[in-house]
Every structure is written in structure tokens, then in C-alpha cells.
C-alpha atoms as a PDB file:
ATOM      1  CA  MET A   1       0.000   0.000   0.000  1.00  0.00           C
ATOM      2  CA  VAL A   2       1.063   3.568  -0.717  1.00  0.00           C
ATOM      3  CA  GLN A   3      -0.593   6.885  -0.029  1.00  0.00           C
ATOM      4  CA  VAL A   4      -1.425   9.095  -3.003  1.00  0.00           C
ATOM      5  CA  GLY A   5      -3.147  12.444  -3.370  1.00  0.00           C
ATOM      6  CA  THR A   6      -4.257  15.359  -1.223  1.00  0.00           C
ATOM      7  CA  PRO A   7      -5.676  14.374   1.179  1.00  0.00           C
ATOM      8  CA  PRO A   8      -3.671  11.116   1.125  1.00  0.00           C
ATOM      9  CA  ARG A   9      -5.507   7.811   0.581  1.00  0.00           C
ATOM     10  CA  ASP A  10      -4.155   4.257   0.706  1.00  0.00           C
ATOM     11  CA  TYR A  11      -3.903   2.326  -2.566  1.00  0.00           C
ATOM     12  CA  ALA A  12      -2.793  -1.150  -3.569  1.00  0.00           C
ATOM     13  CA  VAL A  13       0.082  -0.920  -6.041  1.00  0.00           C
ATOM     14  CA  GLY A  14       1.821  -3.100  -8.585  1.00  0.00           C
ATOM     15  CA  LEU A  15       5.574  -2.662  -8.316  1.00  0.00           C
ATOM     16  CA  ASP A  16       7.685  -3.738 -11.264  1.00  0.00           C
ATOM     17  CA  SER A  17      10.880  -4.774  -9.457  1.00  0.00           C
ATOM     18  CA  GLY A  18      12.744  -4.934 -12.783  1.00  0.00           C
ATOM     19  CA  SER A  19      12.253  -1.205 -13.446  1.00  0.00           C
ATOM     20  CA  GLY A  20      11.278   2.035 -11.770  1.00  0.00           C
ATOM     21  CA  ASP A  21       7.567   1.623 -12.567  1.00  0.00           C
ATOM     22  CA  LEU A  22       4.897   1.919  -9.895  1.00  0.00           C
ATOM     23  CA  PHE A  23       1.283   1.390 -10.962  1.00  0.00           C
ATOM     24  CA  VAL A  24      -1.794   2.669  -9.147  1.00  0.00           C
ATOM     25  CA  GLU A  25      -5.150   1.664 -10.596  1.00  0.00           C
ATOM     26  CA  GLY A  26      -7.206   4.571 -11.885  1.00  0.00           C
ATOM     27  CA  LYS A  27     -10.939   5.080 -11.527  1.00  0.00           C
ATOM     28  CA  GLY A  28     -12.684   3.458 -14.466  1.00  0.00           C
ATOM     29  CA  CYS A  29      -9.780   1.136 -15.263  1.00  0.00           C
ATOM     30  CA  LYS A  30     -11.123  -1.933 -17.046  1.00  0.00           C
ATOM     31  CA  GLY A  31      -9.406  -5.221 -16.237  1.00  0.00           C
ATOM     32  CA  CYS A  32      -7.490  -3.878 -13.226  1.00  0.00           C
ATOM     33  CA  THR A  33      -6.933  -6.512 -10.559  1.00  0.00           C
ATOM     34  CA  LEU A  34      -4.688  -5.016  -7.844  1.00  0.00           C
ATOM     35  CA  GLY A  35      -7.388  -4.152  -5.332  1.00  0.00           C
ATOM     36  CA  PRO A  36     -11.111  -3.712  -4.807  1.00  0.00           C
ATOM     37  CA  PRO A  37     -12.930  -1.170  -7.047  1.00  0.00           C
ATOM     38  CA  ASN A  38     -13.193   1.346  -4.195  1.00  0.00           C
ATOM     39  CA  SER A  39      -9.384   1.444  -3.971  1.00  0.00           C
ATOM     40  CA  GLN A  40      -8.941   2.911  -7.466  1.00  0.00           C
ATOM     41  CA  TYR A  41      -7.414   6.385  -7.691  1.00  0.00           C
ATOM     42  CA  ASP A  42      -9.959   9.114  -8.432  1.00  0.00           C
ATOM     43  CA  PRO A  43      -8.132  12.242  -9.665  1.00  0.00           C
ATOM     44  CA  SER A  44     -11.202  14.403  -9.005  1.00  0.00           C
ATOM     45  CA  ALA A  45     -10.919  13.567  -5.269  1.00  0.00           C
ATOM     46  CA  SER A  46      -7.353  14.905  -5.013  1.00  0.00           C
ATOM     47  CA  ALA A  47      -6.447  18.590  -4.829  1.00  0.00           C
ATOM     48  CA  SER A  48      -2.915  17.853  -6.111  1.00  0.00           C
ATOM     49  CA  SER A  49      -3.836  15.724  -9.161  1.00  0.00           C
ATOM     50  CA  LYS A  50      -2.650  16.933 -12.579  1.00  0.00           C
ATOM     51  CA  SER A  51      -3.465  15.309 -15.899  1.00  0.00           C
ATOM     52  CA  ALA A  52      -0.572  14.114 -18.044  1.00  0.00           C
ATOM     53  CA  GLY A  53      -2.975  13.873 -20.975  1.00  0.00           C
ATOM     54  CA  GLY A  54      -3.453  10.985 -23.342  1.00  0.00           C
ATOM     55  CA  SER A  55      -3.884   7.345 -22.505  1.00  0.00           C
ATOM     56  CA  PHE A  56      -1.560   4.682 -21.166  1.00  0.00           C
ATOM     57  CA  HIS A  57      -1.219   0.972 -21.875  1.00  0.00           C
ATOM     58  CA  HIS A  58       1.592  -1.288 -20.720  1.00  0.00           C
ATOM     59  CA  SER A  59       1.880  -4.963 -21.633  1.00  0.00           C
ATOM     60  CA  TYR A  60       3.824  -7.666 -19.877  1.00  0.00           C
ATOM     61  CA  GLN A  61       4.625 -11.158 -20.997  1.00  0.00           C
ATOM     62  CA  THR A  62       2.172 -12.686 -18.516  1.00  0.00           C
ATOM     63  CA  CYS A  63      -0.466  -9.941 -18.207  1.00  0.00           C
ATOM     64  CA  SER A  64      -1.558  -6.479 -19.272  1.00  0.00           C
ATOM     65  CA  MET A  65      -1.930  -3.416 -17.061  1.00  0.00           C
END
């Protein structure tokens, strides 16, 4: 678990130990499996959230995130 946002909330994360990637599920993510639906990050609930724009998809050999 890590805390993200303002005010901080706890989130389940997927840590890629072979790189510097840290994934937090976003609200509305389809196919996310790290935690329960109510643990997904909601950018509208955080005063410090900023959009990076665009979309993101990352594939692994055994799964997709």
C-alpha cells in the first residue's frame, strides 16, 4: 500500500521490481486486478492531481496493465 493524493488515501500498487515503474489503478480502469474497485485512484478527489494527458497501456509477458 502507498498513499497518493491530497488528502492522502491508501492504494494497492503493482511494483515492477525490474524497473522504476509503480502502478496505481485509476478510476474506471477496465481489467485492473490489484485491489477492490473502491481502492482505485480518483483524480477528481485529489487537490494535487494533474493530468498528463493521453492514454496509457503497458503490456507484460504474462499480463496487461
